[in-house]
N, C-alpha and C. Protein backbone atom coordinates (compact mmCIF):
# COMPACT_ATOMS: atom_id res chain seq x y z
N MET A 1 0.64 -1.20 0.02
CA MET A 1 -0.15 -0.06 -0.05
C MET A 1 0.99 1.21 -0.03
N SER A 2 0.51 2.07 -0.93
CA SER A 2 1.33 3.31 -0.99
C SER A 2 0.67 4.40 0.00
N PRO A 3 1.33 5.55 0.20
CA PRO A 3 0.82 6.72 0.95
C PRO A 3 -0.51 7.28 0.12
N GLU A 4 -0.44 7.33 -1.14
CA GLU A 4 -1.45 7.73 -2.07
C GLU A 4 -2.84 6.78 -1.80
N GLN A 5 -2.53 5.40 -1.89
CA GLN A 5 -3.74 4.68 -1.68
C GLN A 5 -4.25 4.75 -0.31
N SER A 6 -3.45 5.09 0.67
CA SER A 6 -4.01 5.30 1.97
C SER A 6 -4.91 6.31 2.05
N ARG A 7 -4.49 7.55 1.40
CA ARG A 7 -5.31 8.75 1.39
C ARG A 7 -6.67 8.38 0.53
N MET A 8 -6.55 7.75 -0.63
CA MET A 8 -7.64 7.46 -1.40
C MET A 8 -8.66 6.51 -0.42
N ALA A 9 -8.14 5.51 0.12
CA ALA A 9 -9.00 4.68 1.14
C ALA A 9 -9.57 5.46 2.25
N ARG A 10 -8.83 6.35 2.83
CA ARG A 10 -9.51 7.22 3.85
C ARG A 10 -10.60 8.04 3.20
N LYS A 11 -10.45 8.56 2.07
CA LYS A 11 -11.43 9.36 1.54
C LYS A 11 -12.69 8.57 1.15
N ALA A 12 -12.39 7.31 0.57
CA ALA A 12 -13.61 6.52 0.31
C ALA A 12 -14.35 6.22 1.63
N LEU A 13 -13.77 5.96 2.69
CA LEU A 13 -14.35 5.74 3.87
C LEU A 13 -14.79 7.01 4.80
N LYS A 14 -14.36 8.09 4.32
CA LYS A 14 -14.69 9.31 5.16
C LYS A 14 -14.08 9.23 6.44
N TRP A 15 -12.83 8.61 6.43
CA TRP A 15 -11.97 8.50 7.77
C TRP A 15 -10.99 9.68 7.91
N SER A 16 -10.70 10.10 9.14
CA SER A 16 -9.82 11.06 9.31
C SER A 16 -8.45 10.17 9.63
N LEU A 17 -7.37 10.88 9.84
CA LEU A 17 -6.20 10.18 10.15
C LEU A 17 -6.17 9.45 11.53
N VAL A 18 -6.89 9.98 12.47
CA VAL A 18 -7.21 9.53 13.65
C VAL A 18 -7.96 8.29 13.62
N ASP A 19 -9.01 8.29 12.84
CA ASP A 19 -9.89 7.15 12.62
C ASP A 19 -9.02 5.88 12.05
N LEU A 20 -8.08 6.25 11.10
CA LEU A 20 -7.35 5.32 10.57
C LEU A 20 -6.46 4.62 11.72
N ALA A 21 -5.84 5.48 12.49
CA ALA A 21 -4.94 5.13 13.71
C ALA A 21 -5.67 4.26 14.49
N ASP A 22 -6.88 4.66 14.94
CA ASP A 22 -7.60 3.79 15.91
C ASP A 22 -7.90 2.54 15.29
N ALA A 23 -8.55 2.39 13.98
CA ALA A 23 -8.77 1.09 13.46
C ALA A 23 -7.68 0.10 13.28
N ALA A 24 -6.46 0.82 13.04
CA ALA A 24 -5.26 -0.11 12.81
C ALA A 24 -4.45 -0.31 13.99
N GLY A 25 -4.92 0.40 15.27
CA GLY A 25 -4.08 0.16 16.56
C GLY A 25 -2.70 0.76 16.41
N ILE A 26 -2.45 1.78 15.78
CA ILE A 26 -1.17 2.57 15.65
C ILE A 26 -1.48 3.96 16.05
N SER A 27 -0.32 4.71 16.32
CA SER A 27 -0.35 6.07 16.71
C SER A 27 -0.87 6.87 15.51
N ALA A 28 -1.47 8.02 15.68
CA ALA A 28 -1.91 8.92 14.82
C ALA A 28 -0.49 9.41 13.91
N VAL A 29 0.44 9.69 14.81
CA VAL A 29 1.73 10.34 14.32
C VAL A 29 2.31 9.30 13.16
N THR A 30 2.10 8.09 13.45
CA THR A 30 2.63 7.02 12.51
C THR A 30 1.79 7.17 11.15
N ALA A 31 0.39 7.36 11.23
CA ALA A 31 -0.48 7.43 10.08
C ALA A 31 0.05 8.80 9.33
N VAL A 32 0.18 9.77 10.17
CA VAL A 32 0.49 11.07 9.45
C VAL A 32 1.89 10.96 8.65
N LEU A 33 2.92 10.43 9.37
CA LEU A 33 4.28 10.20 8.74
C LEU A 33 4.07 9.33 7.48
N PHE A 34 3.34 8.32 7.53
CA PHE A 34 3.38 7.36 6.45
C PHE A 34 2.74 8.00 5.22
N GLU A 35 1.56 8.78 5.47
CA GLU A 35 0.83 9.44 4.31
C GLU A 35 1.93 10.60 3.92
N ALA A 36 2.60 11.02 4.55
CA ALA A 36 3.52 12.18 4.26
C ALA A 36 4.90 11.55 3.40
N GLY A 37 4.85 10.14 3.22
CA GLY A 37 5.96 9.63 2.59
C GLY A 37 7.16 9.41 3.37
N GLU A 38 7.15 9.42 4.68
CA GLU A 38 8.11 9.05 5.58
C GLU A 38 8.07 7.47 5.81
N ALA A 39 9.32 7.16 6.13
CA ALA A 39 9.50 5.60 6.31
C ALA A 39 8.96 5.34 7.79
N VAL A 40 7.88 4.36 7.81
CA VAL A 40 7.51 3.78 8.99
C VAL A 40 7.69 2.17 9.14
N ASP A 41 7.54 1.83 10.23
CA ASP A 41 7.60 0.34 10.49
C ASP A 41 6.64 -0.48 9.54
N GLY A 42 7.11 -1.59 9.02
CA GLY A 42 6.36 -2.45 8.02
C GLY A 42 5.03 -3.01 8.77
N GLY A 43 5.28 -3.29 10.03
CA GLY A 43 3.99 -3.76 10.83
C GLY A 43 2.75 -2.74 10.80
N SER A 44 3.45 -1.48 10.87
CA SER A 44 2.26 -0.37 11.04
C SER A 44 1.56 -0.34 9.59
N VAL A 45 2.36 -0.54 8.51
CA VAL A 45 1.67 -0.41 7.34
C VAL A 45 0.82 -1.64 6.95
N ALA A 46 1.15 -2.66 7.51
CA ALA A 46 0.30 -4.05 7.40
C ALA A 46 -0.98 -3.83 8.14
N ALA A 47 -0.78 -3.20 9.40
CA ALA A 47 -1.96 -3.00 10.08
C ALA A 47 -2.98 -1.93 9.56
N MET A 48 -2.38 -1.05 8.95
CA MET A 48 -3.26 0.01 8.25
C MET A 48 -3.90 -0.60 7.16
N ARG A 49 -3.18 -1.54 6.38
CA ARG A 49 -3.79 -2.13 5.25
C ARG A 49 -4.98 -3.06 5.65
N LYS A 50 -4.60 -3.83 6.69
CA LYS A 50 -5.71 -4.71 7.26
C LYS A 50 -6.88 -3.94 7.82
N ALA A 51 -6.82 -2.91 8.41
CA ALA A 51 -7.93 -1.94 8.78
C ALA A 51 -8.71 -1.53 7.64
N PHE A 52 -8.05 -1.27 6.61
CA PHE A 52 -8.92 -0.90 5.38
C PHE A 52 -9.44 -2.02 4.76
N GLU A 53 -8.83 -3.18 4.71
CA GLU A 53 -9.41 -4.32 3.91
C GLU A 53 -10.66 -4.90 4.84
N ALA A 54 -10.70 -4.70 6.11
CA ALA A 54 -11.80 -5.02 6.87
C ALA A 54 -12.96 -4.29 6.66
N GLN A 55 -12.83 -3.09 5.95
CA GLN A 55 -13.90 -2.46 5.58
C GLN A 55 -14.09 -2.47 4.09
N HIS A 56 -13.54 -3.54 3.40
CA HIS A 56 -13.84 -3.97 2.05
C HIS A 56 -13.15 -3.08 1.01
N ILE A 57 -12.01 -2.45 1.50
CA ILE A 57 -11.23 -1.67 0.42
C ILE A 57 -10.13 -2.66 -0.01
N ARG A 58 -9.94 -2.68 -1.29
CA ARG A 58 -9.00 -3.54 -1.94
C ARG A 58 -8.12 -2.75 -2.63
N PHE A 59 -6.84 -3.14 -2.70
CA PHE A 59 -5.77 -2.35 -3.14
C PHE A 59 -5.16 -2.95 -4.48
N MET A 60 -5.16 -2.17 -5.46
CA MET A 60 -4.65 -2.44 -6.82
C MET A 60 -3.19 -2.52 -6.92
N ASP A 61 -2.47 -3.64 -6.74
CA ASP A 61 -0.98 -3.72 -6.71
C ASP A 61 -0.31 -3.87 -7.98
N GLN A 62 -1.07 -4.50 -8.98
CA GLN A 62 -0.53 -5.00 -10.20
C GLN A 62 -1.38 -4.57 -11.33
N GLY A 63 -0.97 -4.59 -12.58
CA GLY A 63 -1.77 -4.28 -13.80
C GLY A 63 -2.14 -2.90 -14.12
N ALA A 64 -2.97 -2.76 -15.01
CA ALA A 64 -3.29 -1.48 -15.62
C ALA A 64 -3.86 -0.43 -14.32
N LEU A 65 -4.44 -1.02 -13.34
CA LEU A 65 -5.06 -0.22 -12.23
C LEU A 65 -4.15 -0.16 -11.05
N ALA A 66 -2.91 -0.53 -11.22
CA ALA A 66 -1.92 -0.48 -10.11
C ALA A 66 -1.88 0.81 -9.45
N GLY A 67 -1.82 1.09 -8.15
CA GLY A 67 -1.77 2.30 -7.54
C GLY A 67 -3.24 2.76 -7.18
N GLY A 68 -4.17 2.08 -7.51
CA GLY A 68 -5.38 2.51 -7.28
C GLY A 68 -6.09 1.66 -6.13
N ILE A 69 -7.40 1.90 -5.84
CA ILE A 69 -8.09 1.04 -4.73
C ILE A 69 -9.41 0.91 -5.50
N LEU A 70 -10.09 -0.13 -4.67
CA LEU A 70 -11.46 -0.71 -5.09
C LEU A 70 -12.28 -0.85 -3.80
N ARG A 71 -13.39 -0.11 -3.80
CA ARG A 71 -14.28 -0.46 -2.46
C ARG A 71 -15.47 -1.22 -2.99
N SER A 72 -15.39 -2.53 -2.38
CA SER A 72 -16.46 -3.51 -2.69
C SER A 72 -17.59 -3.25 -1.71
N ARG A 73 -18.62 -3.19 -2.16
CA ARG A 73 -19.93 -3.01 -1.33
C ARG A 73 -20.82 -4.12 -1.46
N ILE A 74 -20.38 -5.23 -2.22
CA ILE A 74 -21.26 -6.45 -2.22
C ILE A 74 -20.79 -7.31 -0.98
N ARG A 75 -21.80 -7.70 -0.26
CA ARG A 75 -21.50 -8.67 0.94
C ARG A 75 -22.47 -9.97 0.66
N TYR A 76 -21.70 -11.05 0.79
CA TYR A 76 -22.41 -12.28 0.42
C TYR A 76 -23.22 -12.73 1.74
N VAL A 77 -24.35 -13.15 1.73
CA VAL A 77 -25.08 -13.42 2.63
C VAL A 77 -25.61 -14.86 2.36
N ASP A 78 -25.32 -15.87 2.96
CA ASP A 78 -25.86 -17.36 2.64
C ASP A 78 -27.12 -17.39 3.37
N LYS A 79 -28.20 -17.49 2.48
CA LYS A 79 -29.55 -17.49 2.80
C LYS A 79 -30.21 -18.89 2.94
N ARG A 80 -29.24 -19.92 2.68
CA ARG A 80 -29.82 -21.32 2.79
C ARG A 80 -29.90 -21.68 4.34
N PRO A 81 -30.83 -22.60 4.48
CA PRO A 81 -31.04 -23.04 5.93
C PRO A 81 -29.72 -23.54 6.43
N PRO A 82 -29.55 -23.69 7.77
CA PRO A 82 -28.49 -24.06 8.52
C PRO A 82 -28.05 -25.43 7.97
N ALA A 83 -26.69 -25.84 8.03
CA ALA A 83 -26.31 -27.21 7.78
C ALA A 83 -26.87 -28.13 8.86
N GLY A 84 -27.26 -29.33 8.37
CA GLY A 84 -27.86 -30.22 9.24
C GLY A 84 -29.43 -29.98 9.39
N SER A 85 -30.00 -28.95 8.78
CA SER A 85 -31.40 -28.58 8.81
C SER A 85 -32.18 -29.62 7.89
N ALA A 86 -33.27 -30.07 8.17
CA ALA A 86 -34.20 -30.78 7.31
C ALA A 86 -34.31 -30.20 6.07
N GLU A 87 -34.38 -28.79 5.97
CA GLU A 87 -34.69 -27.99 4.78
C GLU A 87 -33.47 -27.93 3.78
N ARG A 88 -32.31 -28.17 4.34
CA ARG A 88 -31.12 -28.07 3.46
C ARG A 88 -30.76 -29.26 2.97
N PRO A 89 -30.51 -29.42 1.44
CA PRO A 89 -30.22 -30.68 0.88
C PRO A 89 -29.00 -31.11 1.31
């Protein structure tokens, strides 16, 4: 994830830097430094990415869309009866 992708993801979620830091379990200073292009711990970047991905943000790392993000709004809901139910084949 690049600093630019982080800014795009925050904008898509309407998150502040503090919101990102809280969701990722990092300090707000770390989030600010990362988005400013400064070097930060790889674990912090991974935590930020995981926080975004938990909100259905996907990062385009390769191909024609590399450097972009995608926000998935589709959530799969299994409407079949529970396993073991007489109603489920």
